[in-house]
Amino acid sequence: MSDLESLKPIEGASRGVRRRLGLRGEFFLALGPTITVLLVLALVEALSQQRLLFASLASSAFLIYLDPQHGTNSVRTLIIAQMMAAVLGLLTFTAFGGGYLSGGSAMVATIVGMVLLDVVHPPAVSTAMAFALRAGDESNVVLFGLAVGVTAVLVILERLALWVIGRYRVR
């Protein structure tokens, strides 16, 4: 097993609750990510026309739903990986324009950065590519940061939902 913490389940995580969920429990757990993605889309629609820059957050939300107790989906990992990817994408766009060199450079830099900082969150690679290929301006990074913050709250809500489901099903 890898020594990277972001590639492991969170220590002490009770994974048995998730294994016992029925269809109703799965839909309940999926409700948070669905609402979060819709809120992010509404925020983006109200403040920007750069919808594709935020598409990777839908993948982040689904990963959080899939396994909120995994290191890949921790608040620290999510925020650092996604924001690093956005900044690297914007920097490569600024340096190379919006072509393949920019996209490829942003992708490689993001992967290397995630591994070195132990913040492996695969949807961040899409974020880097989106910003590198169609960055817009710096204000999009700020808006993206706000959307990442909303998504980070989802991690807490999903863990809370698992805790509630676990307590409800035990009794």
C-alpha atoms as a PDB file:
ATOM      1  CA  MET A   1       0.000   0.000   0.000  1.00  0.00           C
ATOM      2  CA  SER A   2       1.173   3.517  -0.749  1.00  0.00           C
ATOM      3  CA  ASP A   3       2.484   5.803   1.987  1.00  0.00           C
ATOM      4  CA  LEU A   4       0.416   8.691   0.641  1.00  0.00           C
ATOM      5  CA  GLU A   5      -2.380   9.461   3.097  1.00  0.00           C
ATOM      6  CA  SER A   6      -4.609  10.920   0.384  1.00  0.00           C
ATOM      7  CA  LEU A   7      -4.752   7.468  -1.215  1.00  0.00           C
ATOM      8  CA  LYS A   8      -6.000   5.700   1.926  1.00  0.00           C
ATOM      9  CA  PRO A   9      -9.277   5.577   3.838  1.00  0.00           C
ATOM     10  CA  ILE A  10      -9.284   8.001   6.756  1.00  0.00           C
ATOM     11  CA  GLU A  11      -7.968   6.347   9.896  1.00  0.00           C
ATOM     12  CA  GLY A  12     -10.777   5.110  12.131  1.00  0.00           C
ATOM     13  CA  ALA A  13     -13.425   5.476   9.418  1.00  0.00           C
ATOM     14  CA  SER A  14     -16.420   3.219   9.970  1.00  0.00           C
ATOM     15  CA  ARG A  15     -16.927   1.781   6.504  1.00  0.00           C
ATOM     16  CA  GLY A  16     -19.441  -0.846   7.606  1.00  0.00           C
ATOM     17  CA  VAL A  17     -22.311   1.665   7.660  1.00  0.00           C
ATOM     18  CA  ARG A  18     -21.917   2.312   3.958  1.00  0.00           C
ATOM     19  CA  ARG A  19     -21.894  -1.391   3.125  1.00  0.00           C
ATOM     20  CA  ARG A  20     -25.285  -1.806   4.839  1.00  0.00           C
ATOM     21  CA  LEU A  21     -27.050   1.019   2.979  1.00  0.00           C
ATOM     22  CA  GLY A  22     -30.091   0.130   0.953  1.00  0.00           C
ATOM     23  CA  LEU A  23     -31.446   2.000  -2.047  1.00  0.00           C
ATOM     24  CA  ARG A  24     -33.158   4.633   0.126  1.00  0.00           C
ATOM     25  CA  GLY A  25     -29.925   5.245   2.053  1.00  0.00           C
ATOM     26  CA  GLU A  26     -27.922   5.593  -1.167  1.00  0.00           C
ATOM     27  CA  PHE A  27     -30.403   8.151  -2.523  1.00  0.00           C
ATOM     28  CA  PHE A  28     -30.255  10.022   0.786  1.00  0.00           C
ATOM     29  CA  LEU A  29     -26.465  10.074   0.609  1.00  0.00           C
ATOM     30  CA  ALA A  30     -26.565  11.200  -3.060  1.00  0.00           C
ATOM     31  CA  LEU A  31     -28.864  14.112  -2.202  1.00  0.00           C
ATOM     32  CA  GLY A  32     -26.045  16.260  -0.749  1.00  0.00           C
ATOM     33  CA  PRO A  33     -23.770  16.065  -3.805  1.00  0.00           C
ATOM     34  CA  THR A  34     -26.690  16.678  -6.139  1.00  0.00           C
ATOM     35  CA  ILE A  35     -27.810  19.793  -4.280  1.00  0.00           C
ATOM     36  CA  THR A  36     -24.204  20.996  -4.001  1.00  0.00           C
ATOM     37  CA  VAL A  37     -23.589  20.713  -7.743  1.00  0.00           C
ATOM     38  CA  LEU A  38     -26.858  22.517  -8.470  1.00  0.00           C
ATOM     39  CA  LEU A  39     -25.897  25.312  -6.036  1.00  0.00           C
ATOM     40  CA  VAL A  40     -22.481  25.650  -7.663  1.00  0.00           C
ATOM     41  CA  LEU A  41     -24.110  25.802 -11.100  1.00  0.00           C
ATOM     42  CA  ALA A  42     -26.499  28.511  -9.906  1.00  0.00           C
ATOM     43  CA  LEU A  43     -23.589  30.470  -8.397  1.00  0.00           C
ATOM     44  CA  VAL A  44     -21.612  30.209 -11.632  1.00  0.00           C
ATOM     45  CA  GLU A  45     -24.617  31.183 -13.720  1.00  0.00           C
ATOM     46  CA  ALA A  46     -25.200  34.260 -11.579  1.00  0.00           C
ATOM     47  CA  LEU A  47     -21.571  35.429 -11.589  1.00  0.00           C
ATOM     48  CA  SER A  48     -19.859  34.101 -14.724  1.00  0.00           C
ATOM     49  CA  GLN A  49     -20.348  32.514 -18.110  1.00  0.00           C
ATOM     50  CA  GLN A  50     -17.401  30.125 -17.686  1.00  0.00           C
ATOM     51  CA  ARG A  51     -19.450  27.011 -16.917  1.00  0.00           C
ATOM     52  CA  LEU A  52     -16.860  24.483 -18.100  1.00  0.00           C
ATOM     53  CA  LEU A  53     -14.330  25.702 -15.558  1.00  0.00           C
ATOM     54  CA  PHE A  54     -16.543  24.232 -12.848  1.00  0.00           C
ATOM     55  CA  ALA A  55     -17.400  20.857 -14.424  1.00  0.00           C
ATOM     56  CA  SER A  56     -14.701  18.997 -12.479  1.00  0.00           C
ATOM     57  CA  LEU A  57     -16.464  19.898  -9.232  1.00  0.00           C
ATOM     58  CA  ALA A  58     -19.326  17.612 -10.293  1.00  0.00           C
ATOM     59  CA  SER A  59     -16.790  14.763 -10.385  1.00  0.00           C
ATOM     60  CA  SER A  60     -15.495  15.840  -6.979  1.00  0.00           C
ATOM     61  CA  ALA A  61     -19.030  15.794  -5.586  1.00  0.00           C
ATOM     62  CA  PHE A  62     -19.639  12.294  -6.921  1.00  0.00           C
ATOM     63  CA  LEU A  63     -16.357  11.009  -5.460  1.00  0.00           C
ATOM     64  CA  ILE A  64     -17.351  12.501  -2.107  1.00  0.00           C
ATOM     65  CA  TYR A  65     -20.701  10.701  -2.343  1.00  0.00           C
ATOM     66  CA  LEU A  66     -18.976   7.463  -3.336  1.00  0.00           C
ATOM     67  CA  ASP A  67     -16.575   7.446  -0.383  1.00  0.00           C
ATOM     68  CA  PRO A  68     -16.663  10.480   1.929  1.00  0.00           C
ATOM     69  CA  GLN A  69     -14.302   8.721   4.340  1.00  0.00           C
ATOM     70  CA  HIS A  70     -11.431   8.363   1.867  1.00  0.00           C
ATOM     71  CA  GLY A  71      -8.340  10.563   1.998  1.00  0.00           C
ATOM     72  CA  THR A  72      -8.864  11.578  -1.633  1.00  0.00           C
ATOM     73  CA  ASN A  73     -12.042  13.302  -0.517  1.00  0.00           C
ATOM     74  CA  SER A  74     -10.806  15.037   2.632  1.00  0.00           C
ATOM     75  CA  VAL A  75     -11.403  18.772   2.902  1.00  0.00           C
ATOM     76  CA  ARG A  76      -7.638  19.428   2.875  1.00  0.00           C
ATOM     77  CA  THR A  77      -7.057  17.305  -0.224  1.00  0.00           C
ATOM     78  CA  LEU A  78     -10.041  18.719  -2.094  1.00  0.00           C
ATOM     79  CA  ILE A  79      -9.204  22.368  -1.461  1.00  0.00           C
ATOM     80  CA  ILE A  80      -5.449  22.185  -2.047  1.00  0.00           C
ATOM     81  CA  ALA A  81      -5.661  19.984  -5.159  1.00  0.00           C
ATOM     82  CA  GLN A  82      -8.476  21.918  -6.824  1.00  0.00           C
ATOM     83  CA  MET A  83      -7.068  25.385  -6.085  1.00  0.00           C
ATOM     84  CA  MET A  84      -3.536  24.365  -7.073  1.00  0.00           C
ATOM     85  CA  ALA A  85      -4.913  23.007 -10.346  1.00  0.00           C
ATOM     86  CA  ALA A  86      -6.846  26.206 -11.072  1.00  0.00           C
ATOM     87  CA  VAL A  87      -3.811  28.401 -10.419  1.00  0.00           C
ATOM     88  CA  LEU A  88      -1.466  26.155 -12.427  1.00  0.00           C
ATOM     89  CA  GLY A  89      -3.957  26.109 -15.292  1.00  0.00           C
ATOM     90  CA  LEU A  90      -4.219  29.890 -15.257  1.00  0.00           C
ATOM     91  CA  LEU A  91      -0.424  30.251 -15.097  1.00  0.00           C
ATOM     92  CA  THR A  92       0.143  27.933 -18.056  1.00  0.00           C
ATOM     93  CA  PHE A  93      -2.591  29.728 -20.000  1.00  0.00           C
ATOM     94  CA  THR A  94      -0.838  33.021 -19.275  1.00  0.00           C
ATOM     95  CA  ALA A  95       2.556  31.604 -20.261  1.00  0.00           C
ATOM     96  CA  PHE A  96       1.620  29.556 -23.333  1.00  0.00           C
ATOM     97  CA  GLY A  97      -1.849  30.626 -24.469  1.00  0.00           C
ATOM     98  CA  GLY A  98      -4.789  28.264 -24.666  1.00  0.00           C
ATOM     99  CA  GLY A  99      -3.320  25.358 -26.647  1.00  0.00           C
ATOM    100  CA  TYR A 100      -2.039  21.847 -26.140  1.00  0.00           C
ATOM    101  CA  LEU A 101       1.235  23.013 -24.576  1.00  0.00           C
ATOM    102  CA  SER A 102      -0.681  24.916 -21.928  1.00  0.00           C
ATOM    103  CA  GLY A 103      -3.093  22.048 -21.242  1.00  0.00           C
ATOM    104  CA  GLY A 104      -0.383  19.395 -21.151  1.00  0.00           C
ATOM    105  CA  SER A 105       1.882  21.490 -18.933  1.00  0.00           C
ATOM    106  CA  ALA A 106      -0.947  22.222 -16.509  1.00  0.00           C
ATOM    107  CA  MET A 107      -1.902  18.547 -16.355  1.00  0.00           C
ATOM    108  CA  VAL A 108       1.661  17.357 -15.664  1.00  0.00           C
ATOM    109  CA  ALA A 109       2.343  20.115 -13.120  1.00  0.00           C
ATOM    110  CA  THR A 110      -0.906  19.338 -11.302  1.00  0.00           C
ATOM    111  CA  ILE A 111      -0.211  15.604 -11.113  1.00  0.00           C
ATOM    112  CA  VAL A 112       3.334  16.222  -9.841  1.00  0.00           C
ATOM    113  CA  GLY A 113       2.080  18.795  -7.331  1.00  0.00           C
ATOM    114  CA  MET A 114      -0.678  16.514  -6.025  1.00  0.00           C
ATOM    115  CA  VAL A 115       1.763  13.640  -5.495  1.00  0.00           C
ATOM    116  CA  LEU A 116       4.447  15.826  -3.870  1.00  0.00           C
ATOM    117  CA  LEU A 117       1.949  17.523  -1.532  1.00  0.00           C
ATOM    118  CA  ASP A 118       0.032  14.281  -0.851  1.00  0.00           C
ATOM    119  CA  VAL A 119      -3.250  15.768  -2.053  1.00  0.00           C
ATOM    120  CA  VAL A 120      -4.301  13.333  -4.777  1.00  0.00           C
ATOM    121  CA  HIS A 121      -7.777  14.287  -6.002  1.00  0.00           C
ATOM    122  CA  PRO A 122      -8.245  13.095  -9.628  1.00  0.00           C
ATOM    123  CA  PRO A 123     -10.892  15.667 -10.700  1.00  0.00           C
ATOM    124  CA  ALA A 124      -8.277  18.385 -10.151  1.00  0.00           C
ATOM    125  CA  VAL A 125      -6.556  17.258 -13.355  1.00  0.00           C
ATOM    126  CA  SER A 126      -9.701  18.294 -15.239  1.00  0.00           C
ATOM    127  CA  THR A 127      -9.645  21.625 -13.426  1.00  0.00           C
ATOM    128  CA  ALA A 128      -6.071  22.281 -14.563  1.00  0.00           C
ATOM    129  CA  MET A 129      -6.974  21.448 -18.160  1.00  0.00           C
ATOM    130  CA  ALA A 130     -10.098  23.627 -18.100  1.00  0.00           C
ATOM    131  CA  PHE A 131      -8.225  26.662 -16.811  1.00  0.00           C
ATOM    132  CA  ALA A 132      -5.258  26.071 -19.144  1.00  0.00           C
ATOM    133  CA  LEU A 133      -7.388  25.709 -22.260  1.00  0.00           C
ATOM    134  CA  ARG A 134      -9.944  28.425 -21.481  1.00  0.00           C
ATOM    135  CA  ALA A 135      -8.855  30.384 -18.447  1.00  0.00           C
ATOM    136  CA  GLY A 136     -10.687  33.663 -18.860  1.00  0.00           C
ATOM    137  CA  ASP A 137      -9.336  35.934 -16.133  1.00  0.00           C
ATOM    138  CA  GLU A 138      -8.174  35.862 -12.518  1.00  0.00           C
ATOM    139  CA  SER A 139     -11.659  36.557 -11.184  1.00  0.00           C
ATOM    140  CA  ASN A 140     -12.643  33.068 -12.322  1.00  0.00           C
ATOM    141  CA  VAL A 141     -10.056  31.606  -9.915  1.00  0.00           C
ATOM    142  CA  VAL A 142     -11.702  33.517  -7.038  1.00  0.00           C
ATOM    143  CA  LEU A 143     -15.156  32.320  -8.106  1.00  0.00           C
ATOM    144  CA  PHE A 144     -13.803  28.795  -8.480  1.00  0.00           C
ATOM    145  CA  GLY A 145     -12.370  29.036  -4.947  1.00  0.00           C
ATOM    146  CA  LEU A 146     -15.815  29.947  -3.662  1.00  0.00           C
ATOM    147  CA  ALA A 147     -17.288  26.932  -5.464  1.00  0.00           C
ATOM    148  CA  VAL A 148     -14.555  24.672  -4.026  1.00  0.00           C
ATOM    149  CA  GLY A 149     -15.484  25.955  -0.568  1.00  0.00           C
ATOM    150  CA  VAL A 150     -19.114  24.974  -1.151  1.00  0.00           C
ATOM    151  CA  THR A 151     -17.935  21.547  -2.300  1.00  0.00           C
ATOM    152  CA  ALA A 152     -15.709  21.194   0.784  1.00  0.00           C
ATOM    153  CA  VAL A 153     -18.784  21.701   2.968  1.00  0.00           C
ATOM    154  CA  LEU A 154     -20.190  18.672   1.160  1.00  0.00           C
ATOM    155  CA  VAL A 155     -17.454  16.484   2.661  1.00  0.00           C
ATOM    156  CA  ILE A 156     -18.643  17.418   6.143  1.00  0.00           C
ATOM    157  CA  LEU A 157     -22.307  16.927   5.216  1.00  0.00           C
ATOM    158  CA  GLU A 158     -21.663  13.490   3.713  1.00  0.00           C
ATOM    159  CA  ARG A 159     -19.773  12.342   6.794  1.00  0.00           C
ATOM    160  CA  LEU A 160     -22.581  13.682   8.965  1.00  0.00           C
ATOM    161  CA  ALA A 161     -25.145  11.855   6.811  1.00  0.00           C
ATOM    162  CA  LEU A 162     -23.238   8.580   7.218  1.00  0.00           C
ATOM    163  CA  TRP A 163     -23.100   9.129  10.959  1.00  0.00           C
ATOM    164  CA  VAL A 164     -26.871   9.797  11.113  1.00  0.00           C
ATOM    165  CA  ILE A 165     -27.628   6.757   8.948  1.00  0.00           C
ATOM    166  CA  GLY A 166     -25.346   4.610  11.113  1.00  0.00           C
ATOM    167  CA  ARG A 167     -27.007   5.717  14.347  1.00  0.00           C
ATOM    168  CA  TYR A 168     -30.507   5.363  12.899  1.00  0.00           C
ATOM    169  CA  ARG A 169     -29.865   1.850  11.517  1.00  0.00           C
ATOM    170  CA  VAL A 170     -28.160   0.578  14.686  1.00  0.00           C
ATOM    171  CA  ARG A 171     -31.159   1.302  16.902  1.00  0.00           C
END
